[in-house]
């Protein structure tokens, strides 16, 4: 029995789409001291969405720069860039490479290999296609949003400090949200 090919979302055309880093954001949220949340961002340095005739023929690859981590606190950002966490001197980039895209209701699941801190794990991002539009400069743009929650420990990010009242300073679960704008090439 042959699987049925999955049609592309309406408005998304075949070809190469370059992720527009200046209009794309990768943000994260992690519980701090068990009572509050720290939010931050990491720059997407480059990315390509190669849209085939079907979802099965479509792929995504993205590179992020952990040296750009920003949480609004220079001391915390410095600690995150250090060997205790991201070790940006040794692991200067993070990558995501898709292995599958499948529909799920009105949205999609983007499955792929996420590499952080030199460790690669399979992740599934809940993804929404927000449509296409032509900007004032004649570029055809496509918009996407995606979310996933990962375990820091799964990526070898194990630094922590015990709290006097019990628990730890930094939670294991990290929520990641992406807001992506891509420009049709050619």
C-alpha atoms as a PDB file:
ATOM      1  CA  UNK A   1       0.000   0.000   0.000  1.00  0.00           C
ATOM      2  CA  UNK A   2       1.420   3.399  -0.981  1.00  0.00           C
ATOM      3  CA  UNK A   3       1.164   6.314   1.423  1.00  0.00           C
ATOM      4  CA  UNK A   4      -0.736   9.342   0.175  1.00  0.00           C
ATOM      5  CA  UNK A   5       1.388  12.463  -0.309  1.00  0.00           C
ATOM      6  CA  UNK A   6       0.439  15.399   1.879  1.00  0.00           C
ATOM      7  CA  UNK A   7      -0.353  18.648   0.057  1.00  0.00           C
ATOM      8  CA  UNK A   8       1.403  21.874   0.957  1.00  0.00           C
ATOM      9  CA  UNK A   9      -0.442  24.519   2.961  1.00  0.00           C
ATOM     10  CA  UNK A  10      -2.365  26.961   0.765  1.00  0.00           C
ATOM     11  CA  UNK A  11      -0.096  29.836  -0.291  1.00  0.00           C
ATOM     12  CA  UNK A  12       3.224  28.060   0.305  1.00  0.00           C
ATOM     13  CA  UNK A  13       4.960  27.509  -3.040  1.00  0.00           C
ATOM     14  CA  UNK A  14       7.775  25.178  -4.005  1.00  0.00           C
ATOM     15  CA  UNK A  15      11.345  26.414  -3.960  1.00  0.00           C
ATOM     16  CA  UNK A  16      13.899  27.738  -1.513  1.00  0.00           C
ATOM     17  CA  UNK A  17      12.900  30.096   1.269  1.00  0.00           C
ATOM     18  CA  UNK A  18      15.650  31.842   3.275  1.00  0.00           C
ATOM     19  CA  UNK A  19      14.955  32.510   6.935  1.00  0.00           C
ATOM     20  CA  UNK A  20      15.083  36.279   7.492  1.00  0.00           C
ATOM     21  CA  UNK A  21      17.160  36.485  10.675  1.00  0.00           C
ATOM     22  CA  UNK A  22      16.177  40.116  11.302  1.00  0.00           C
ATOM     23  CA  UNK A  23      12.487  39.150  11.433  1.00  0.00           C
ATOM     24  CA  UNK A  24      12.867  35.786  13.171  1.00  0.00           C
ATOM     25  CA  UNK A  25      13.050  35.129  16.899  1.00  0.00           C
ATOM     26  CA  UNK A  26      14.016  32.082  18.938  1.00  0.00           C
ATOM     27  CA  UNK A  27      13.017  32.544  22.570  1.00  0.00           C
ATOM     28  CA  UNK A  28      13.085  30.345  25.642  1.00  0.00           C
ATOM     29  CA  UNK A  29      11.505  30.224  29.094  1.00  0.00           C
ATOM     30  CA  UNK A  30      12.793  28.273  32.095  1.00  0.00           C
ATOM     31  CA  UNK A  31      11.588  28.182  35.697  1.00  0.00           C
ATOM     32  CA  UNK A  32      14.005  29.867  38.159  1.00  0.00           C
ATOM     33  CA  UNK A  33      14.195  28.932  41.850  1.00  0.00           C
ATOM     34  CA  UNK A  34      10.873  27.153  41.440  1.00  0.00           C
ATOM     35  CA  UNK A  35       8.947  30.406  41.792  1.00  0.00           C
ATOM     36  CA  UNK A  36       9.503  32.550  38.698  1.00  0.00           C
ATOM     37  CA  UNK A  37      10.491  32.286  35.062  1.00  0.00           C
ATOM     38  CA  UNK A  38      13.497  33.592  33.167  1.00  0.00           C
ATOM     39  CA  UNK A  39      12.939  34.444  29.526  1.00  0.00           C
ATOM     40  CA  UNK A  40      15.559  34.976  26.879  1.00  0.00           C
ATOM     41  CA  UNK A  41      16.397  34.752  23.222  1.00  0.00           C
ATOM     42  CA  UNK A  42      19.061  33.338  20.923  1.00  0.00           C
ATOM     43  CA  UNK A  43      19.699  34.709  17.427  1.00  0.00           C
ATOM     44  CA  UNK A  44      18.939  32.604  14.376  1.00  0.00           C
ATOM     45  CA  UNK A  45      22.007  33.165  12.215  1.00  0.00           C
ATOM     46  CA  UNK A  46      20.751  31.370   9.101  1.00  0.00           C
ATOM     47  CA  UNK A  47      18.134  28.984   7.887  1.00  0.00           C
ATOM     48  CA  UNK A  48      16.640  27.435   4.777  1.00  0.00           C
ATOM     49  CA  UNK A  49      13.226  25.999   4.112  1.00  0.00           C
ATOM     50  CA  UNK A  50      13.243  23.884   0.960  1.00  0.00           C
ATOM     51  CA  UNK A  51       9.649  23.396  -0.114  1.00  0.00           C
ATOM     52  CA  UNK A  52       9.011  20.401  -2.334  1.00  0.00           C
ATOM     53  CA  UNK A  53       5.849  19.346  -4.134  1.00  0.00           C
ATOM     54  CA  UNK A  54       4.517  17.768  -0.903  1.00  0.00           C
ATOM     55  CA  UNK A  55       5.226  17.975   2.822  1.00  0.00           C
ATOM     56  CA  UNK A  56       7.211  14.748   2.499  1.00  0.00           C
ATOM     57  CA  UNK A  57       9.542  16.520   0.026  1.00  0.00           C
ATOM     58  CA  UNK A  58       9.969  19.601   2.241  1.00  0.00           C
ATOM     59  CA  UNK A  59      12.847  20.210   4.652  1.00  0.00           C
ATOM     60  CA  UNK A  60      14.063  22.786   7.155  1.00  0.00           C
ATOM     61  CA  UNK A  61      17.574  23.542   8.403  1.00  0.00           C
ATOM     62  CA  UNK A  62      18.451  26.303  10.854  1.00  0.00           C
ATOM     63  CA  UNK A  63      21.588  27.484  12.673  1.00  0.00           C
ATOM     64  CA  UNK A  64      21.451  29.455  15.925  1.00  0.00           C
ATOM     65  CA  UNK A  65      24.254  31.362  17.658  1.00  0.00           C
ATOM     66  CA  UNK A  66      24.414  30.672  21.432  1.00  0.00           C
ATOM     67  CA  UNK A  67      26.923  33.531  21.869  1.00  0.00           C
ATOM     68  CA  UNK A  68      23.951  35.874  21.323  1.00  0.00           C
ATOM     69  CA  UNK A  69      21.946  34.548  24.288  1.00  0.00           C
ATOM     70  CA  UNK A  70      20.164  37.450  25.951  1.00  0.00           C
ATOM     71  CA  UNK A  71      18.041  37.374  29.107  1.00  0.00           C
ATOM     72  CA  UNK A  72      18.251  41.047  30.002  1.00  0.00           C
ATOM     73  CA  UNK A  73      20.954  40.480  32.636  1.00  0.00           C
ATOM     74  CA  UNK A  74      24.622  40.666  31.551  1.00  0.00           C
ATOM     75  CA  UNK A  75      25.881  38.557  34.478  1.00  0.00           C
ATOM     76  CA  UNK A  76      23.361  35.772  33.823  1.00  0.00           C
ATOM     77  CA  UNK A  77      24.082  35.926  30.069  1.00  0.00           C
ATOM     78  CA  UNK A  78      27.806  35.565  30.781  1.00  0.00           C
ATOM     79  CA  UNK A  79      27.125  32.546  32.999  1.00  0.00           C
ATOM     80  CA  UNK A  80      24.943  30.952  30.300  1.00  0.00           C
ATOM     81  CA  UNK A  81      27.740  31.394  27.734  1.00  0.00           C
ATOM     82  CA  UNK A  82      30.324  29.838  30.092  1.00  0.00           C
ATOM     83  CA  UNK A  83      31.388  26.214  30.465  1.00  0.00           C
ATOM     84  CA  UNK A  84      28.699  25.747  33.152  1.00  0.00           C
ATOM     85  CA  UNK A  85      26.015  25.969  30.468  1.00  0.00           C
ATOM     86  CA  UNK A  86      26.400  26.524  26.708  1.00  0.00           C
ATOM     87  CA  UNK A  87      30.237  26.679  26.546  1.00  0.00           C
ATOM     88  CA  UNK A  88      30.087  28.875  23.445  1.00  0.00           C
ATOM     89  CA  UNK A  89      33.877  28.736  23.012  1.00  0.00           C
ATOM     90  CA  UNK A  90      33.646  24.980  22.406  1.00  0.00           C
ATOM     91  CA  UNK A  91      30.110  24.687  20.975  1.00  0.00           C
ATOM     92  CA  UNK A  92      29.745  27.799  18.828  1.00  0.00           C
ATOM     93  CA  UNK A  93      26.509  26.912  17.080  1.00  0.00           C
ATOM     94  CA  UNK A  94      23.256  25.048  17.515  1.00  0.00           C
ATOM     95  CA  UNK A  95      21.487  23.402  14.612  1.00  0.00           C
ATOM     96  CA  UNK A  96      18.113  21.971  13.705  1.00  0.00           C
ATOM     97  CA  UNK A  97      17.643  19.718  10.676  1.00  0.00           C
ATOM     98  CA  UNK A  98      14.188  18.369   9.897  1.00  0.00           C
ATOM     99  CA  UNK A  99      13.535  14.714   9.209  1.00  0.00           C
ATOM    100  CA  UNK A 100       9.743  14.833   8.783  1.00  0.00           C
ATOM    101  CA  UNK A 101       6.832  17.253   8.537  1.00  0.00           C
ATOM    102  CA  UNK A 102       3.335  15.924   9.097  1.00  0.00           C
ATOM    103  CA  UNK A 103      -0.101  17.523   9.399  1.00  0.00           C
ATOM    104  CA  UNK A 104      -1.885  17.506  12.732  1.00  0.00           C
ATOM    105  CA  UNK A 105      -5.351  19.033  12.617  1.00  0.00           C
ATOM    106  CA  UNK A 106      -5.026  22.584  11.281  1.00  0.00           C
ATOM    107  CA  UNK A 107      -1.315  22.674  12.209  1.00  0.00           C
ATOM    108  CA  UNK A 108       1.828  20.614  11.615  1.00  0.00           C
ATOM    109  CA  UNK A 109       4.476  18.684  13.508  1.00  0.00           C
ATOM    110  CA  UNK A 110       8.033  19.482  12.464  1.00  0.00           C
ATOM    111  CA  UNK A 111      10.267  16.573  13.501  1.00  0.00           C
ATOM    112  CA  UNK A 112      14.027  16.812  13.418  1.00  0.00           C
ATOM    113  CA  UNK A 113      17.433  16.654  15.016  1.00  0.00           C
ATOM    114  CA  UNK A 114      18.277  19.515  17.391  1.00  0.00           C
ATOM    115  CA  UNK A 115      21.938  19.876  18.357  1.00  0.00           C
ATOM    116  CA  UNK A 116      22.777  21.963  21.440  1.00  0.00           C
ATOM    117  CA  UNK A 117      26.044  21.765  23.389  1.00  0.00           C
ATOM    118  CA  UNK A 118      27.333  19.104  20.993  1.00  0.00           C
ATOM    119  CA  UNK A 119      24.432  16.733  21.759  1.00  0.00           C
ATOM    120  CA  UNK A 120      21.805  15.832  19.163  1.00  0.00           C
ATOM    121  CA  UNK A 121      18.270  14.851  20.163  1.00  0.00           C
ATOM    122  CA  UNK A 122      15.125  14.205  18.134  1.00  0.00           C
ATOM    123  CA  UNK A 123      12.463  16.837  18.846  1.00  0.00           C
ATOM    124  CA  UNK A 124       8.918  17.480  17.633  1.00  0.00           C
ATOM    125  CA  UNK A 125       7.858  21.094  17.219  1.00  0.00           C
ATOM    126  CA  UNK A 126       4.169  21.998  17.170  1.00  0.00           C
ATOM    127  CA  UNK A 127       4.101  24.289  14.130  1.00  0.00           C
ATOM    128  CA  UNK A 128       1.625  26.732  12.630  1.00  0.00           C
ATOM    129  CA  UNK A 129       1.805  28.162   9.121  1.00  0.00           C
ATOM    130  CA  UNK A 130       0.685  31.798   9.287  1.00  0.00           C
ATOM    131  CA  UNK A 131       0.390  32.351   5.545  1.00  0.00           C
ATOM    132  CA  UNK A 132       2.258  34.346   2.935  1.00  0.00           C
ATOM    133  CA  UNK A 133       2.392  38.001   1.993  1.00  0.00           C
ATOM    134  CA  UNK A 134       4.296  40.258  -0.382  1.00  0.00           C
ATOM    135  CA  UNK A 135       6.161  42.983   1.517  1.00  0.00           C
ATOM    136  CA  UNK A 136       6.583  46.599   0.247  1.00  0.00           C
ATOM    137  CA  UNK A 137       9.938  45.606  -1.305  1.00  0.00           C
ATOM    138  CA  UNK A 138       8.438  42.882  -3.503  1.00  0.00           C
ATOM    139  CA  UNK A 139       9.607  39.940  -1.371  1.00  0.00           C
ATOM    140  CA  UNK A 140       7.215  37.028  -0.909  1.00  0.00           C
ATOM    141  CA  UNK A 141       7.313  36.074   2.763  1.00  0.00           C
ATOM    142  CA  UNK A 142       6.010  33.076   4.668  1.00  0.00           C
ATOM    143  CA  UNK A 143       5.398  33.088   8.414  1.00  0.00           C
ATOM    144  CA  UNK A 144       5.589  30.210  10.880  1.00  0.00           C
ATOM    145  CA  UNK A 145       5.369  29.724  14.645  1.00  0.00           C
ATOM    146  CA  UNK A 146       6.681  26.653  16.441  1.00  0.00           C
ATOM    147  CA  UNK A 147       7.003  25.496  20.038  1.00  0.00           C
ATOM    148  CA  UNK A 148       8.701  22.631  21.844  1.00  0.00           C
ATOM    149  CA  UNK A 149       9.706  21.810  25.414  1.00  0.00           C
ATOM    150  CA  UNK A 150      13.065  20.128  25.927  1.00  0.00           C
ATOM    151  CA  UNK A 151      14.994  18.711  28.870  1.00  0.00           C
ATOM    152  CA  UNK A 152      18.273  20.540  29.575  1.00  0.00           C
ATOM    153  CA  UNK A 153      19.754  17.284  30.869  1.00  0.00           C
ATOM    154  CA  UNK A 154      19.094  15.550  27.543  1.00  0.00           C
ATOM    155  CA  UNK A 155      21.577  18.021  26.004  1.00  0.00           C
ATOM    156  CA  UNK A 156      24.228  17.658  28.719  1.00  0.00           C
ATOM    157  CA  UNK A 157      23.255  20.950  30.388  1.00  0.00           C
ATOM    158  CA  UNK A 158      23.309  19.786  33.991  1.00  0.00           C
ATOM    159  CA  UNK A 159      24.681  22.729  36.002  1.00  0.00           C
ATOM    160  CA  UNK A 160      22.464  23.607  38.942  1.00  0.00           C
ATOM    161  CA  UNK A 161      22.475  24.772  42.562  1.00  0.00           C
ATOM    162  CA  UNK A 162      20.431  23.376  45.436  1.00  0.00           C
ATOM    163  CA  UNK A 163      18.007  25.711  47.183  1.00  0.00           C
ATOM    164  CA  UNK A 164      17.938  25.971  50.969  1.00  0.00           C
ATOM    165  CA  UNK A 165      14.219  25.185  51.067  1.00  0.00           C
ATOM    166  CA  UNK A 166      14.639  22.251  48.667  1.00  0.00           C
ATOM    167  CA  UNK A 167      14.577  22.016  44.911  1.00  0.00           C
ATOM    168  CA  UNK A 168      17.047  23.535  42.479  1.00  0.00           C
ATOM    169  CA  UNK A 169      17.821  26.945  41.031  1.00  0.00           C
ATOM    170  CA  UNK A 170      17.238  26.105  37.331  1.00  0.00           C
ATOM    171  CA  UNK A 171      14.441  23.792  36.167  1.00  0.00           C
ATOM    172  CA  UNK A 172      15.185  20.980  33.748  1.00  0.00           C
ATOM    173  CA  UNK A 173      12.342  21.756  31.321  1.00  0.00           C
ATOM    174  CA  UNK A 174      12.877  24.617  28.866  1.00  0.00           C
ATOM    175  CA  UNK A 175      10.069  25.925  26.653  1.00  0.00           C
ATOM    176  CA  UNK A 176      11.274  27.124  23.247  1.00  0.00           C
ATOM    177  CA  UNK A 177       9.207  29.307  20.904  1.00  0.00           C
ATOM    178  CA  UNK A 178      10.080  30.292  17.354  1.00  0.00           C
ATOM    179  CA  UNK A 179       8.554  33.054  15.270  1.00  0.00           C
ATOM    180  CA  UNK A 180       9.924  32.701  11.736  1.00  0.00           C
ATOM    181  CA  UNK A 181       9.750  34.874   8.643  1.00  0.00           C
ATOM    182  CA  UNK A 182      11.174  33.384   5.450  1.00  0.00           C
ATOM    183  CA  UNK A 183      11.681  35.016   2.043  1.00  0.00           C
ATOM    184  CA  UNK A 184      11.106  33.141  -1.231  1.00  0.00           C
ATOM    185  CA  UNK A 185      14.350  33.035  -3.217  1.00  0.00           C
ATOM    186  CA  UNK A 186      14.594  33.443  -6.999  1.00  0.00           C
END
